[in-house]
Amino acid sequence: LDIAKCLHDATARMERAAEKGKAIAAAVEGVEKHWGSTNFDSNSSFIEALREKIFKPSLSTIIPENSK
C-alpha cells in the first residue's frame, strides 16, 4: 500500500471537487447579477433555495465532530 499515492489521489479528487464548486458558485453569482434589477423578492428566494441544494450539506453536518 502506497500511502503517498493514496494521499495524492485523495487530494487531487478534493481539488477537482473544489474547482467544480467554484464554477457553480460563479454561475450562481452571474444569475444573481443578471436578475439583480428585476423582481428581487422572488428571484432572491429562488437563489437562496438553489444555494441550499447545491452547497449543503457540508462535511461537518455529515460527519459528527466527535466521531473517530
N, C-alpha and C. Protein backbone atom coordinates (compact mmCIF):
# COMPACT_ATOMS: atom_id res chain seq x y z
N LEU A 1 0.85 -1.18 0.00
CA LEU A 1 0.00 0.00 0.00
C LEU A 1 0.89 1.24 0.00
N ASP A 2 0.70 2.07 -0.98
CA ASP A 2 1.49 3.29 -1.10
C ASP A 2 0.69 4.45 -0.53
N ILE A 3 1.00 4.82 0.71
CA ILE A 3 0.27 5.87 1.41
C ILE A 3 0.38 7.20 0.68
N ALA A 4 1.56 7.52 0.18
CA ALA A 4 1.76 8.79 -0.52
C ALA A 4 0.87 8.88 -1.75
N LYS A 5 0.77 7.77 -2.51
CA LYS A 5 -0.08 7.77 -3.70
C LYS A 5 -1.55 7.92 -3.31
N CYS A 6 -1.98 7.23 -2.27
CA CYS A 6 -3.37 7.34 -1.80
C CYS A 6 -3.68 8.78 -1.39
N LEU A 7 -2.76 9.38 -0.66
CA LEU A 7 -2.95 10.76 -0.21
C LEU A 7 -2.98 11.71 -1.41
N HIS A 8 -2.08 11.51 -2.35
CA HIS A 8 -2.05 12.34 -3.55
C HIS A 8 -3.35 12.22 -4.33
N ASP A 9 -3.84 11.00 -4.53
CA ASP A 9 -5.09 10.77 -5.27
C ASP A 9 -6.27 11.43 -4.57
N ALA A 10 -6.34 11.29 -3.25
CA ALA A 10 -7.44 11.90 -2.50
C ALA A 10 -7.37 13.43 -2.58
N THR A 11 -6.19 13.97 -2.48
CA THR A 11 -6.02 15.42 -2.59
C THR A 11 -6.42 15.92 -3.97
N ALA A 12 -6.05 15.19 -4.99
CA ALA A 12 -6.40 15.57 -6.36
C ALA A 12 -7.91 15.55 -6.55
N ARG A 13 -8.59 14.54 -6.01
CA ARG A 13 -10.05 14.48 -6.12
C ARG A 13 -10.69 15.65 -5.39
N MET A 14 -10.18 15.99 -4.22
CA MET A 14 -10.73 17.12 -3.46
C MET A 14 -10.50 18.44 -4.21
N GLU A 15 -9.35 18.59 -4.84
CA GLU A 15 -9.08 19.81 -5.60
C GLU A 15 -10.01 19.93 -6.79
N ARG A 16 -10.28 18.82 -7.49
CA ARG A 16 -11.22 18.85 -8.62
C ARG A 16 -12.61 19.21 -8.14
N ALA A 17 -13.03 18.65 -7.02
CA ALA A 17 -14.36 18.96 -6.47
C ALA A 17 -14.44 20.44 -6.07
N ALA A 18 -13.38 20.97 -5.51
CA ALA A 18 -13.36 22.38 -5.11
C ALA A 18 -13.47 23.28 -6.34
N GLU A 19 -12.79 22.92 -7.41
CA GLU A 19 -12.87 23.72 -8.64
C GLU A 19 -14.29 23.70 -9.20
N LYS A 20 -14.94 22.55 -9.17
CA LYS A 20 -16.32 22.47 -9.65
C LYS A 20 -17.22 23.34 -8.78
N GLY A 21 -16.99 23.32 -7.48
CA GLY A 21 -17.77 24.15 -6.57
C GLY A 21 -17.59 25.63 -6.86
N LYS A 22 -16.36 26.03 -7.18
CA LYS A 22 -16.10 27.43 -7.51
C LYS A 22 -16.82 27.82 -8.80
N ALA A 23 -16.84 26.92 -9.77
CA ALA A 23 -17.53 27.20 -11.03
C ALA A 23 -19.03 27.35 -10.80
N ILE A 24 -19.59 26.51 -9.97
CA ILE A 24 -21.02 26.60 -9.67
C ILE A 24 -21.32 27.90 -8.93
N ALA A 25 -20.48 28.25 -7.97
CA ALA A 25 -20.68 29.49 -7.22
C ALA A 25 -20.61 30.70 -8.16
N ALA A 26 -19.69 30.68 -9.11
CA ALA A 26 -19.57 31.77 -10.07
C ALA A 26 -20.82 31.85 -10.94
N ALA A 27 -21.36 30.71 -11.33
CA ALA A 27 -22.58 30.69 -12.13
C ALA A 27 -23.75 31.27 -11.34
N VAL A 28 -23.86 30.92 -10.08
CA VAL A 28 -24.94 31.45 -9.23
C VAL A 28 -24.78 32.96 -9.09
N GLU A 29 -23.56 33.44 -8.91
CA GLU A 29 -23.33 34.88 -8.82
C GLU A 29 -23.72 35.57 -10.11
N GLY A 30 -23.43 34.95 -11.24
CA GLY A 30 -23.82 35.52 -12.52
C GLY A 30 -25.32 35.64 -12.65
N VAL A 31 -26.04 34.63 -12.20
CA VAL A 31 -27.50 34.68 -12.23
C VAL A 31 -27.99 35.79 -11.31
N GLU A 32 -27.40 35.91 -10.12
CA GLU A 32 -27.80 36.97 -9.21
C GLU A 32 -27.60 38.34 -9.84
N LYS A 33 -26.47 38.55 -10.50
CA LYS A 33 -26.20 39.84 -11.14
C LYS A 33 -27.18 40.09 -12.28
N HIS A 34 -27.45 39.05 -13.05
CA HIS A 34 -28.37 39.18 -14.18
C HIS A 34 -29.78 39.52 -13.71
N TRP A 35 -30.21 38.90 -12.62
CA TRP A 35 -31.55 39.13 -12.10
C TRP A 35 -31.62 40.31 -11.13
N GLY A 36 -30.50 40.93 -10.86
CA GLY A 36 -30.44 41.97 -9.85
C GLY A 36 -31.45 43.08 -10.00
N SER A 37 -31.81 43.44 -11.21
CA SER A 37 -32.69 44.59 -11.41
C SER A 37 -34.16 44.22 -11.57
N THR A 38 -34.49 42.93 -11.58
CA THR A 38 -35.88 42.53 -11.82
C THR A 38 -36.42 41.70 -10.68
N ASN A 39 -37.59 41.99 -10.23
CA ASN A 39 -38.36 41.19 -9.27
C ASN A 39 -37.48 40.54 -8.20
N PHE A 40 -36.87 41.35 -7.39
CA PHE A 40 -35.85 40.90 -6.44
C PHE A 40 -36.36 39.84 -5.47
N ASP A 41 -37.58 39.98 -4.93
CA ASP A 41 -38.06 39.06 -3.90
C ASP A 41 -38.16 37.62 -4.39
N SER A 42 -38.80 37.40 -5.52
CA SER A 42 -38.96 36.02 -5.99
C SER A 42 -37.63 35.45 -6.47
N ASN A 43 -36.82 36.27 -7.12
CA ASN A 43 -35.51 35.81 -7.57
C ASN A 43 -34.59 35.50 -6.39
N SER A 44 -34.67 36.33 -5.37
CA SER A 44 -33.84 36.12 -4.18
C SER A 44 -34.18 34.79 -3.51
N SER A 45 -35.45 34.50 -3.38
CA SER A 45 -35.84 33.24 -2.75
C SER A 45 -35.41 32.04 -3.61
N PHE A 46 -35.47 32.21 -4.93
CA PHE A 46 -35.02 31.14 -5.82
C PHE A 46 -33.52 30.89 -5.64
N ILE A 47 -32.74 31.96 -5.60
CA ILE A 47 -31.29 31.83 -5.44
C ILE A 47 -30.95 31.20 -4.10
N GLU A 48 -31.64 31.60 -3.05
CA GLU A 48 -31.38 31.01 -1.73
C GLU A 48 -31.70 29.52 -1.72
N ALA A 49 -32.81 29.14 -2.35
CA ALA A 49 -33.15 27.71 -2.44
C ALA A 49 -32.09 26.95 -3.24
N LEU A 50 -31.61 27.58 -4.31
CA LEU A 50 -30.56 26.96 -5.12
C LEU A 50 -29.29 26.77 -4.31
N ARG A 51 -28.91 27.78 -3.55
CA ARG A 51 -27.72 27.67 -2.70
C ARG A 51 -27.88 26.54 -1.68
N GLU A 52 -29.05 26.42 -1.08
CA GLU A 52 -29.30 25.36 -0.10
C GLU A 52 -29.08 23.99 -0.74
N LYS A 53 -29.60 23.80 -1.94
CA LYS A 53 -29.49 22.49 -2.60
C LYS A 53 -28.06 22.19 -3.04
N ILE A 54 -27.35 23.20 -3.51
CA ILE A 54 -26.02 22.97 -4.07
C ILE A 54 -24.95 22.86 -3.00
N PHE A 55 -24.98 23.76 -2.03
CA PHE A 55 -23.86 23.88 -1.10
C PHE A 55 -24.09 23.21 0.24
N LYS A 56 -25.16 22.47 0.40
CA LYS A 56 -25.39 21.76 1.66
C LYS A 56 -25.70 20.33 1.33
N PRO A 57 -25.46 19.39 2.13
CA PRO A 57 -24.88 19.52 3.46
C PRO A 57 -23.37 19.68 3.37
N SER A 58 -22.83 20.27 4.37
CA SER A 58 -21.38 20.40 4.43
C SER A 58 -20.81 19.14 5.09
N LEU A 59 -19.53 18.98 4.97
CA LEU A 59 -18.89 17.80 5.56
C LEU A 59 -19.11 17.75 7.06
N SER A 60 -19.11 18.90 7.71
CA SER A 60 -19.30 18.92 9.16
C SER A 60 -20.70 18.46 9.58
N THR A 61 -21.69 18.59 8.69
CA THR A 61 -23.02 18.10 9.04
C THR A 61 -23.18 16.61 8.75
N ILE A 62 -22.32 16.08 7.90
CA ILE A 62 -22.38 14.65 7.57
C ILE A 62 -21.62 13.82 8.60
N ILE A 63 -20.43 14.29 8.96
CA ILE A 63 -19.57 13.56 9.89
C ILE A 63 -19.58 14.28 11.23
N PRO A 64 -20.08 13.65 12.27
CA PRO A 64 -20.09 14.30 13.58
C PRO A 64 -18.68 14.66 14.04
N GLU A 65 -18.58 15.75 14.77
CA GLU A 65 -17.28 16.25 15.21
C GLU A 65 -16.54 15.25 16.10
N ASN A 66 -17.27 14.50 16.90
CA ASN A 66 -16.63 13.59 17.85
C ASN A 66 -16.46 12.16 17.32
N SER A 67 -16.71 11.93 16.03
CA SER A 67 -16.55 10.57 15.50
C SER A 67 -15.07 10.27 15.29
N LYS A 68 -14.69 9.04 15.56
CA LYS A 68 -13.29 8.63 15.39
C LYS A 68 -13.20 7.24 14.84
